[in-house]
Amino acid sequence: MTDNKTEKALRTVEGRVVSNKMDKTVTVLVERQVKHALYGKYIRRSTKLHAHDAENACKEGDIVRVKEIAPLSKTKNWSVVEIVSRAAE
């Protein structure tokens, strides 16, 4: 018998806010380093995510932690958990 109360651990990632022009939404740039398959050099790869920011608290340049959620719109399926560090004024 399987237990239906166990749920999948949702992913959390950290990134930098690059746009807060939308209402209750921020664009977060998440960078990661991957090793080149042939040459072995580490390459910087990035992904832009749209994240829900209910209080419009995030400013451009802030480092934020976002978690995966059920889709809120066509492109938005992440939510801001916390602001790790504020951008320098």
Protein backbone atom coordinates (compact mmCIF):
# COMPACT_ATOMS: atom_id res chain seq x y z
CA MET A 1 0.00 0.00 0.00
CA THR A 2 1.40 3.40 -0.96
CA ASP A 3 1.26 6.44 1.27
CA ASN A 4 -0.27 9.42 -0.52
CA LYS A 5 0.91 11.89 2.14
CA THR A 6 4.50 11.93 0.89
CA GLU A 7 5.05 14.72 -1.60
CA LYS A 8 7.91 15.48 -3.94
CA ALA A 9 10.51 17.90 -2.61
CA LEU A 10 10.21 21.07 -4.69
CA ARG A 11 13.34 22.54 -6.22
CA THR A 12 14.80 25.77 -4.87
CA VAL A 13 17.43 27.80 -6.68
CA GLU A 14 19.17 31.14 -6.14
CA GLY A 15 19.46 33.84 -8.75
CA ARG A 16 19.67 37.56 -9.46
CA VAL A 17 16.63 39.71 -10.25
CA VAL A 18 17.14 41.25 -13.70
CA SER A 19 13.65 42.74 -14.18
CA ASN A 20 10.84 43.83 -11.87
CA LYS A 21 8.79 45.80 -14.39
CA MET A 22 5.80 43.44 -14.23
CA ASP A 23 3.16 43.50 -11.49
CA LYS A 24 3.80 40.80 -8.86
CA THR A 25 6.35 39.10 -11.13
CA VAL A 26 10.13 39.26 -11.33
CA THR A 27 12.56 37.80 -13.82
CA VAL A 28 15.35 35.87 -12.10
CA LEU A 29 18.63 34.96 -13.83
CA VAL A 30 19.96 31.64 -12.53
CA GLU A 31 23.57 30.84 -13.44
CA ARG A 32 25.21 27.43 -13.21
CA GLN A 33 28.56 26.02 -14.24
CA VAL A 34 28.74 22.93 -16.43
CA LYS A 35 31.80 21.04 -17.52
CA HIS A 36 32.44 20.93 -21.27
CA ALA A 37 32.08 17.34 -22.46
CA LEU A 38 35.27 17.24 -24.57
CA TYR A 39 37.57 19.94 -23.21
CA GLY A 40 36.71 19.79 -19.51
CA LYS A 41 36.59 23.55 -19.06
CA TYR A 42 33.77 24.88 -16.89
CA ILE A 43 31.31 27.04 -18.83
CA ARG A 44 28.79 29.45 -17.32
CA ARG A 45 25.22 28.71 -18.42
CA SER A 46 22.18 30.75 -17.44
CA THR A 47 18.39 30.46 -17.36
CA LYS A 48 15.79 33.19 -16.93
CA LEU A 49 12.80 32.30 -14.76
CA HIS A 50 9.62 34.26 -14.10
CA ALA A 51 8.81 34.16 -10.38
CA HIS A 52 5.79 35.30 -8.39
CA ASP A 53 6.55 38.21 -6.03
CA ALA A 54 3.27 38.89 -4.21
CA GLU A 55 4.44 42.00 -2.31
CA ASN A 56 6.47 43.52 -5.17
CA ALA A 57 9.37 43.56 -2.69
CA CYS A 58 12.19 42.63 -5.08
CA LYS A 59 14.34 45.22 -6.80
CA GLU A 60 16.73 44.75 -9.73
CA GLY A 61 20.05 43.30 -8.61
CA ASP A 62 18.69 41.51 -5.53
CA ILE A 63 19.81 37.93 -4.94
CA VAL A 64 16.69 35.84 -4.28
CA ARG A 65 15.81 32.22 -3.53
CA VAL A 66 12.90 30.85 -5.59
CA LYS A 67 10.97 27.59 -5.35
CA GLU A 68 9.02 25.63 -7.90
CA ILE A 69 5.22 25.87 -7.68
CA ALA A 70 2.18 24.88 -9.70
CA PRO A 71 1.85 27.08 -12.82
CA LEU A 72 0.28 30.50 -12.19
CA SER A 73 0.40 31.57 -15.84
CA LYS A 74 1.87 30.47 -19.16
CA THR A 75 5.45 31.24 -18.14
CA LYS A 76 5.32 31.62 -14.34
CA ASN A 77 5.83 28.50 -12.23
CA TRP A 78 8.31 29.75 -9.60
CA SER A 79 7.76 31.79 -6.45
CA VAL A 80 10.12 34.01 -4.44
CA VAL A 81 10.82 32.40 -1.05
CA GLU A 82 13.21 35.01 0.37
CA ILE A 83 15.49 37.85 -0.55
CA VAL A 84 19.00 36.59 0.26
CA SER A 85 20.76 39.93 -0.25
CA ARG A 86 19.75 43.37 -1.41
CA ALA A 87 21.31 45.17 -4.35
CA ALA A 88 23.82 47.91 -3.59
CA GLU A 89 22.14 51.31 -3.77
